[in-house]
Amino acid sequence: MENFAIAGTTTRQFPLLISASAMIERAARETNLQLGHLDEKRAGAVIDAGKKIRQA
């Protein structure tokens, strides 16, 4: 998330934005999984990516 520097500001300065984005991504993942647009393997990859973002 550090590579979105705009005028010296990075997303790291907005932890609530990152948290909200992760919540939206989680909801989208669950919806797409339930609708059959996302398989279990890809859903797992999305979960792993979300964990990495939250740990950063």
PDB file of N, CA and C in Angstrom:
ATOM      1  N   MET A   1       0.810  -1.193   0.000  1.00  0.00           N
ATOM      2  CA  MET A   1       0.000   0.000   0.000  1.00  0.00           C
ATOM      3  C   MET A   1       0.860   1.266   0.000  1.00  0.00           C
ATOM      4  N   GLU A   2       2.133   1.140   0.183  1.00  0.00           N
ATOM      5  CA  GLU A   2       3.010   2.301   0.230  1.00  0.00           C
ATOM      6  C   GLU A   2       3.208   2.958  -1.130  1.00  0.00           C
ATOM      7  N   ASN A   3       2.946   2.263  -2.221  1.00  0.00           N
ATOM      8  CA  ASN A   3       3.265   2.792  -3.533  1.00  0.00           C
ATOM      9  C   ASN A   3       2.208   3.749  -4.079  1.00  0.00           C
ATOM     10  N   PHE A   4       1.316   4.253  -3.246  1.00  0.00           N
ATOM     11  CA  PHE A   4       0.321   5.210  -3.694  1.00  0.00           C
ATOM     12  C   PHE A   4       0.582   6.572  -3.056  1.00  0.00           C
ATOM     13  N   ALA A   5       1.820   7.011  -3.111  1.00  0.00           N
ATOM     14  CA  ALA A   5       2.177   8.307  -2.528  1.00  0.00           C
ATOM     15  C   ALA A   5       1.660   9.431  -3.426  1.00  0.00           C
ATOM     16  N   ILE A   6       0.912  10.338  -2.827  1.00  0.00           N
ATOM     17  CA  ILE A   6       0.396  11.497  -3.544  1.00  0.00           C
ATOM     18  C   ILE A   6       0.797  12.719  -2.726  1.00  0.00           C
ATOM     19  N   ALA A   7       1.661  13.533  -3.281  1.00  0.00           N
ATOM     20  CA  ALA A   7       2.122  14.743  -2.604  1.00  0.00           C
ATOM     21  C   ALA A   7       2.657  14.436  -1.203  1.00  0.00           C
ATOM     22  N   GLY A   8       3.407  13.342  -1.075  1.00  0.00           N
ATOM     23  CA  GLY A   8       4.006  13.006   0.208  1.00  0.00           C
ATOM     24  C   GLY A   8       3.082  12.277   1.165  1.00  0.00           C
ATOM     25  N   THR A   9       1.877  11.986   0.750  1.00  0.00           N
ATOM     26  CA  THR A   9       0.911  11.287   1.597  1.00  0.00           C
ATOM     27  C   THR A   9       0.800   9.846   1.127  1.00  0.00           C
ATOM     28  N   THR A  10       0.813   8.910   2.061  1.00  0.00           N
ATOM     29  CA  THR A  10       0.643   7.503   1.707  1.00  0.00           C
ATOM     30  C   THR A  10      -0.606   6.955   2.381  1.00  0.00           C
ATOM     31  N   THR A  11      -1.084   5.838   1.875  1.00  0.00           N
ATOM     32  CA  THR A  11      -2.284   5.233   2.455  1.00  0.00           C
ATOM     33  C   THR A  11      -2.043   4.747   3.876  1.00  0.00           C
ATOM     34  N   ARG A  12      -0.795   4.537   4.254  1.00  0.00           N
ATOM     35  CA  ARG A  12      -0.484   4.105   5.623  1.00  0.00           C
ATOM     36  C   ARG A  12      -0.966   5.137   6.650  1.00  0.00           C
ATOM     37  N   GLN A  13      -1.105   6.363   6.226  1.00  0.00           N
ATOM     38  CA  GLN A  13      -1.570   7.420   7.120  1.00  0.00           C
ATOM     39  C   GLN A  13      -3.083   7.358   7.356  1.00  0.00           C
ATOM     40  N   PHE A  14      -3.756   6.443   6.681  1.00  0.00           N
ATOM     41  CA  PHE A  14      -5.205   6.328   6.775  1.00  0.00           C
ATOM     42  C   PHE A  14      -5.607   4.886   7.090  1.00  0.00           C
ATOM     43  N   PRO A  15      -5.319   4.420   8.297  1.00  0.00           N
ATOM     44  CA  PRO A  15      -5.601   3.020   8.633  1.00  0.00           C
ATOM     45  C   PRO A  15      -7.084   2.663   8.536  1.00  0.00           C
ATOM     46  N   LEU A  16      -7.964   3.620   8.794  1.00  0.00           N
ATOM     47  CA  LEU A  16      -9.397   3.329   8.671  1.00  0.00           C
ATOM     48  C   LEU A  16      -9.791   3.095   7.217  1.00  0.00           C
ATOM     49  N   LEU A  17      -9.143   3.795   6.298  1.00  0.00           N
ATOM     50  CA  LEU A  17      -9.395   3.578   4.878  1.00  0.00           C
ATOM     51  C   LEU A  17      -8.969   2.170   4.477  1.00  0.00           C
ATOM     52  N   ILE A  18      -7.814   1.749   4.946  1.00  0.00           N
ATOM     53  CA  ILE A  18      -7.325   0.405   4.643  1.00  0.00           C
ATOM     54  C   ILE A  18      -8.258  -0.638   5.243  1.00  0.00           C
ATOM     55  N   SER A  19      -8.681  -0.423   6.476  1.00  0.00           N
ATOM     56  CA  SER A  19      -9.595  -1.353   7.137  1.00  0.00           C
ATOM     57  C   SER A  19     -10.926  -1.432   6.400  1.00  0.00           C
ATOM     58  N   ALA A  20     -11.460  -0.281   6.007  1.00  0.00           N
ATOM     59  CA  ALA A  20     -12.734  -0.258   5.282  1.00  0.00           C
ATOM     60  C   ALA A  20     -12.600  -0.961   3.936  1.00  0.00           C
ATOM     61  N   SER A  21     -11.490  -0.746   3.253  1.00  0.00           N
ATOM     62  CA  SER A  21     -11.259  -1.414   1.967  1.00  0.00           C
ATOM     63  C   SER A  21     -11.197  -2.924   2.141  1.00  0.00           C
ATOM     64  N   ALA A  22     -10.562  -3.374   3.213  1.00  0.00           N
ATOM     65  CA  ALA A  22     -10.477  -4.810   3.490  1.00  0.00           C
ATOM     66  C   ALA A  22     -11.860  -5.383   3.779  1.00  0.00           C
ATOM     67  N   MET A  23     -12.698  -4.631   4.487  1.00  0.00           N
ATOM     68  CA  MET A  23     -14.055  -5.100   4.783  1.00  0.00           C
ATOM     69  C   MET A  23     -14.885  -5.206   3.505  1.00  0.00           C
ATOM     70  N   ILE A  24     -14.749  -4.234   2.615  1.00  0.00           N
ATOM     71  CA  ILE A  24     -15.464  -4.266   1.339  1.00  0.00           C
ATOM     72  C   ILE A  24     -14.987  -5.447   0.507  1.00  0.00           C
ATOM     73  N   GLU A  25     -13.684  -5.661   0.472  1.00  0.00           N
ATOM     74  CA  GLU A  25     -13.126  -6.787  -0.287  1.00  0.00           C
ATOM     75  C   GLU A  25     -13.633  -8.113   0.264  1.00  0.00           C
ATOM     76  N   ARG A  26     -13.712  -8.224   1.588  1.00  0.00           N
ATOM     77  CA  ARG A  26     -14.215  -9.445   2.224  1.00  0.00           C
ATOM     78  C   ARG A  26     -15.672  -9.691   1.827  1.00  0.00           C
ATOM     79  N   ALA A  27     -16.476  -8.641   1.839  1.00  0.00           N
ATOM     80  CA  ALA A  27     -17.886  -8.771   1.462  1.00  0.00           C
ATOM     81  C   ALA A  27     -18.023  -9.158  -0.010  1.00  0.00           C
ATOM     82  N   ALA A  28     -17.200  -8.557  -0.860  1.00  0.00           N
ATOM     83  CA  ALA A  28     -17.230  -8.891  -2.284  1.00  0.00           C
ATOM     84  C   ALA A  28     -16.815 -10.340  -2.507  1.00  0.00           C
ATOM     85  N   ARG A  29     -15.794 -10.774  -1.771  1.00  0.00           N
ATOM     86  CA  ARG A  29     -15.341 -12.166  -1.892  1.00  0.00           C
ATOM     87  C   ARG A  29     -16.453 -13.126  -1.512  1.00  0.00           C
ATOM     88  N   GLU A  30     -17.101 -12.878  -0.385  1.00  0.00           N
ATOM     89  CA  GLU A  30     -18.179 -13.761   0.068  1.00  0.00           C
ATOM     90  C   GLU A  30     -19.332 -13.787  -0.926  1.00  0.00           C
ATOM     91  N   THR A  31     -19.698 -12.621  -1.438  1.00  0.00           N
ATOM     92  CA  THR A  31     -20.792 -12.538  -2.405  1.00  0.00           C
ATOM     93  C   THR A  31     -20.445 -13.304  -3.670  1.00  0.00           C
ATOM     94  N   ASN A  32     -19.253 -13.060  -4.210  1.00  0.00           N
ATOM     95  CA  ASN A  32     -18.845 -13.743  -5.436  1.00  0.00           C
ATOM     96  C   ASN A  32     -18.706 -15.242  -5.235  1.00  0.00           C
ATOM     97  N   LEU A  33     -18.274 -15.657  -4.059  1.00  0.00           N
ATOM     98  CA  LEU A  33     -18.169 -17.080  -3.754  1.00  0.00           C
ATOM     99  C   LEU A  33     -19.558 -17.713  -3.730  1.00  0.00           C
ATOM    100  N   GLN A  34     -20.503 -17.060  -3.058  1.00  0.00           N
ATOM    101  CA  GLN A  34     -21.866 -17.587  -2.963  1.00  0.00           C
ATOM    102  C   GLN A  34     -22.563 -17.628  -4.319  1.00  0.00           C
ATOM    103  N   LEU A  35     -22.260 -16.671  -5.189  1.00  0.00           N
ATOM    104  CA  LEU A  35     -22.883 -16.631  -6.512  1.00  0.00           C
ATOM    105  C   LEU A  35     -22.199 -17.563  -7.509  1.00  0.00           C
ATOM    106  N   GLY A  36     -21.098 -18.165  -7.098  1.00  0.00           N
ATOM    107  CA  GLY A  36     -20.378 -19.076  -7.981  1.00  0.00           C
ATOM    108  C   GLY A  36     -19.446 -18.379  -8.956  1.00  0.00           C
ATOM    109  N   HIS A  37     -19.181 -17.096  -8.739  1.00  0.00           N
ATOM    110  CA  HIS A  37     -18.281 -16.347  -9.611  1.00  0.00           C
ATOM    111  C   HIS A  37     -16.827 -16.472  -9.170  1.00  0.00           C
ATOM    112  N   LEU A  38     -16.613 -17.092  -8.013  1.00  0.00           N
ATOM    113  CA  LEU A  38     -15.277 -17.232  -7.449  1.00  0.00           C
ATOM    114  C   LEU A  38     -15.172 -18.625  -6.851  1.00  0.00           C
ATOM    115  N   ASP A  39     -14.125 -19.355  -7.223  1.00  0.00           N
ATOM    116  CA  ASP A  39     -13.966 -20.692  -6.664  1.00  0.00           C
ATOM    117  C   ASP A  39     -13.216 -20.627  -5.332  1.00  0.00           C
ATOM    118  N   GLU A  40     -13.213 -21.742  -4.619  1.00  0.00           N
ATOM    119  CA  GLU A  40     -12.600 -21.797  -3.284  1.00  0.00           C
ATOM    120  C   GLU A  40     -11.116 -21.434  -3.319  1.00  0.00           C
ATOM    121  N   LYS A  41     -10.410 -21.870  -4.365  1.00  0.00           N
ATOM    122  CA  LYS A  41      -8.976 -21.595  -4.459  1.00  0.00           C
ATOM    123  C   LYS A  41      -8.716 -20.096  -4.565  1.00  0.00           C
ATOM    124  N   ARG A  42      -9.451 -19.440  -5.437  1.00  0.00           N
ATOM    125  CA  ARG A  42      -9.270 -17.994  -5.597  1.00  0.00           C
ATOM    126  C   ARG A  42      -9.753 -17.244  -4.363  1.00  0.00           C
ATOM    127  N   ALA A  43     -10.810 -17.723  -3.743  1.00  0.00           N
ATOM    128  CA  ALA A  43     -11.295 -17.093  -2.508  1.00  0.00           C
ATOM    129  C   ALA A  43     -10.204 -17.159  -1.442  1.00  0.00           C
ATOM    130  N   GLY A  44      -9.511 -18.285  -1.378  1.00  0.00           N
ATOM    131  CA  GLY A  44      -8.403 -18.426  -0.433  1.00  0.00           C
ATOM    132  C   GLY A  44      -7.285 -17.445  -0.727  1.00  0.00           C
ATOM    133  N   ALA A  45      -7.016 -17.224  -2.007  1.00  0.00           N
ATOM    134  CA  ALA A  45      -5.974 -16.265  -2.385  1.00  0.00           C
ATOM    135  C   ALA A  45      -6.366 -14.854  -1.963  1.00  0.00           C
ATOM    136  N   VAL A  46      -7.641 -14.527  -2.097  1.00  0.00           N
ATOM    137  CA  VAL A  46      -8.123 -13.207  -1.679  1.00  0.00           C
ATOM    138  C   VAL A  46      -7.992 -13.061  -0.164  1.00  0.00           C
ATOM    139  N   ILE A  47      -8.310 -14.127   0.565  1.00  0.00           N
ATOM    140  CA  ILE A  47      -8.175 -14.106   2.027  1.00  0.00           C
ATOM    141  C   ILE A  47      -6.720 -13.868   2.412  1.00  0.00           C
ATOM    142  N   ASP A  48      -5.805 -14.593   1.770  1.00  0.00           N
ATOM    143  CA  ASP A  48      -4.377 -14.441   2.070  1.00  0.00           C
ATOM    144  C   ASP A  48      -3.891 -13.022   1.778  1.00  0.00           C
ATOM    145  N   ALA A  49      -4.329 -12.458   0.659  1.00  0.00           N
ATOM    146  CA  ALA A  49      -3.926 -11.095   0.309  1.00  0.00           C
ATOM    147  C   ALA A  49      -4.450 -10.102   1.342  1.00  0.00           C
ATOM    148  N   GLY A  50      -5.677 -10.298   1.787  1.00  0.00           N
ATOM    149  CA  GLY A  50      -6.251  -9.420   2.806  1.00  0.00           C
ATOM    150  C   GLY A  50      -5.483  -9.477   4.110  1.00  0.00           C
ATOM    151  N   LYS A  51      -5.040 -10.675   4.484  1.00  0.00           N
ATOM    152  CA  LYS A  51      -4.249 -10.824   5.710  1.00  0.00           C
ATOM    153  C   LYS A  51      -2.933 -10.071   5.594  1.00  0.00           C
ATOM    154  N   LYS A  52      -2.300 -10.150   4.424  1.00  0.00           N
ATOM    155  CA  LYS A  52      -1.028  -9.455   4.221  1.00  0.00           C
ATOM    156  C   LYS A  52      -1.213  -7.944   4.312  1.00  0.00           C
ATOM    157  N   ILE A  53      -2.313  -7.457   3.772  1.00  0.00           N
ATOM    158  CA  ILE A  53      -2.579  -6.018   3.827  1.00  0.00           C
ATOM    159  C   ILE A  53      -2.782  -5.576   5.265  1.00  0.00           C
ATOM    160  N   ARG A  54      -3.535  -6.339   6.033  1.00  0.00           N
ATOM    161  CA  ARG A  54      -3.796  -5.971   7.423  1.00  0.00           C
ATOM    162  C   ARG A  54      -2.532  -6.020   8.271  1.00  0.00           C
ATOM    163  N   GLN A  55      -1.572  -6.881   7.915  1.00  0.00           N
ATOM    164  CA  GLN A  55      -0.332  -7.003   8.679  1.00  0.00           C
ATOM    165  C   GLN A  55       0.666  -5.902   8.328  1.00  0.00           C
ATOM    166  N   ALA A  56       0.494  -5.289   7.176  1.00  0.00           N
ATOM    167  CA  ALA A  56       1.462  -4.271   6.706  1.00  0.00           C
ATOM    168  C   ALA A  56       1.400  -3.010   7.535  1.00  0.00           C
TER     169      ALA A  56
END
